[in-house]
C-alpha atoms as a PDB file:
ATOM      1  CA  MET A   1       7.127 -39.114  21.023  1.00  0.00           C
ATOM      2  CA  THR A   2       6.828 -39.095  17.221  1.00  0.00           C
ATOM      3  CA  SER A   3       3.389 -37.486  17.455  1.00  0.00           C
ATOM      4  CA  PHE A   4       4.789 -34.690  19.580  1.00  0.00           C
ATOM      5  CA  TYR A   5       7.597 -34.115  17.017  1.00  0.00           C
ATOM      6  CA  VAL A   6       5.074 -34.000  14.136  1.00  0.00           C
ATOM      7  CA  THR A   7       2.906 -31.546  16.013  1.00  0.00           C
ATOM      8  CA  LEU A   8       5.910 -29.366  16.797  1.00  0.00           C
ATOM      9  CA  CYS A   9       6.982 -29.337  13.154  1.00  0.00           C
ATOM     10  CA  MET A  10       3.486 -28.423  12.030  1.00  0.00           C
ATOM     11  CA  LEU A  11       3.337 -25.556  14.551  1.00  0.00           C
ATOM     12  CA  ALA A  12       6.722 -24.317  13.370  1.00  0.00           C
ATOM     13  CA  GLY A  13       5.474 -24.350   9.778  1.00  0.00           C
ATOM     14  CA  ASP A  14       2.345 -22.383  10.725  1.00  0.00           C
ATOM     15  CA  VAL A  15       4.398 -19.738  12.546  1.00  0.00           C
ATOM     16  CA  LYS A  16       6.724 -19.447   9.546  1.00  0.00           C
ATOM     17  CA  ASP A  17       3.753 -18.951   7.207  1.00  0.00           C
ATOM     18  CA  ARG A  18       2.240 -16.277   9.422  1.00  0.00           C
ATOM     19  CA  LEU A  19       5.498 -14.347   9.698  1.00  0.00           C
ATOM     20  CA  GLN A  20       5.909 -14.375   5.917  1.00  0.00           C
ATOM     21  CA  ARG A  21       2.394 -13.064   5.425  1.00  0.00           C
ATOM     22  CA  GLU A  22       2.968 -10.209   7.941  1.00  0.00           C
ATOM     23  CA  ASP A  23       6.160  -9.280   6.142  1.00  0.00           C
ATOM     24  CA  ARG A  24       4.289  -8.838   2.888  1.00  0.00           C
ATOM     25  CA  GLY A  25       1.809  -6.574   4.685  1.00  0.00           C
ATOM     26  CA  ALA A  26       4.614  -4.461   6.113  1.00  0.00           C
ATOM     27  CA  THR A  27       6.154  -4.138   2.656  1.00  0.00           C
ATOM     28  CA  ALA A  28       2.840  -2.909   1.246  1.00  0.00           C
ATOM     29  CA  VAL A  29       2.626  -0.306   3.978  1.00  0.00           C
ATOM     30  CA  GLU A  30       6.181   0.859   3.268  1.00  0.00           C
ATOM     31  CA  TYR A  31       5.391   1.185  -0.464  1.00  0.00           C
ATOM     32  CA  GLY A  32       2.259   3.126   0.395  1.00  0.00           C
ATOM     33  CA  LEU A  33       4.263   5.559   2.515  1.00  0.00           C
ATOM     34  CA  LEU A  34       6.843   6.002  -0.250  1.00  0.00           C
ATOM     35  CA  VAL A  35       4.123   6.709  -2.833  1.00  0.00           C
ATOM     36  CA  SER A  36       2.478   9.253  -0.581  1.00  0.00           C
ATOM     37  CA  LEU A  37       5.789  11.045   0.092  1.00  0.00           C
ATOM     38  CA  ILE A  38       6.569  11.144  -3.636  1.00  0.00           C
ATOM     39  CA  ALA A  39       3.045  12.497  -4.339  1.00  0.00           C
ATOM     40  CA  VAL A  40       3.547  15.261  -1.749  1.00  0.00           C
ATOM     41  CA  ALA A  41       6.935  16.151  -3.257  1.00  0.00           C
ATOM     42  CA  ILE A  42       5.359  16.344  -6.740  1.00  0.00           C
ATOM     43  CA  ILE A  43       2.534  18.532  -5.504  1.00  0.00           C
ATOM     44  CA  VAL A  44       4.898  20.935  -3.776  1.00  0.00           C
ATOM     45  CA  ALA A  45       7.148  21.129  -6.842  1.00  0.00           C
ATOM     46  CA  VAL A  46       4.266  21.740  -9.217  1.00  0.00           C
ATOM     47  CA  THR A  47       2.850  24.421  -6.938  1.00  0.00           C
ATOM     48  CA  LEU A  48       6.155  26.251  -6.714  1.00  0.00           C
ATOM     49  CA  VAL A  49       6.783  26.017 -10.458  1.00  0.00           C
ATOM     50  CA  GLY A  50       3.230  27.140 -11.169  1.00  0.00           C
ATOM     51  CA  THR A  51       3.606  30.172  -8.909  1.00  0.00           C
ATOM     52  CA  ASN A  52       6.934  31.112 -10.544  1.00  0.00           C
ATOM     53  CA  LEU A  53       5.458  30.699 -14.057  1.00  0.00           C
ATOM     54  CA  SER A  54       2.455  32.784 -13.129  1.00  0.00           C
ATOM     55  CA  THR A  55       4.733  35.573 -11.929  1.00  0.00           C
ATOM     56  CA  LEU A  56       6.855  35.331 -15.034  1.00  0.00           C
ATOM     57  CA  PHE A  57       3.809  35.488 -17.388  1.00  0.00           C
ATOM     58  CA  ASN A  58       2.349  38.392 -15.489  1.00  0.00           C
ATOM     59  CA  SER A  59       5.605  40.359 -15.779  1.00  0.00           C
ATOM     60  CA  VAL A  60       5.846  39.645 -19.482  1.00  0.00           C
ATOM     61  CA  ALA A  61       2.205  40.647 -19.994  1.00  0.00           C
ATOM     62  CA  THR A  62       2.808  43.892 -18.080  1.00  0.00           C
ATOM     63  CA  LYS A  63       5.883  44.736 -20.190  1.00  0.00           C
ATOM     64  CA  LEU A  64       3.956  44.092 -23.435  1.00  0.00           C
END
């Protein structure tokens, strides 16, 4: 009976370790998604600002 209890405790410990490892992997994936979304937002913002600045400089150059 004691052997069964020890085996059950070891199995529970293994399951706990596996679940903790998978949680870390999920967190890494979430951080990766956040970084990619932030990168896309930065690219869009820089593109829009660049286009507006180009238009502004062209209009100033034309007026000069």
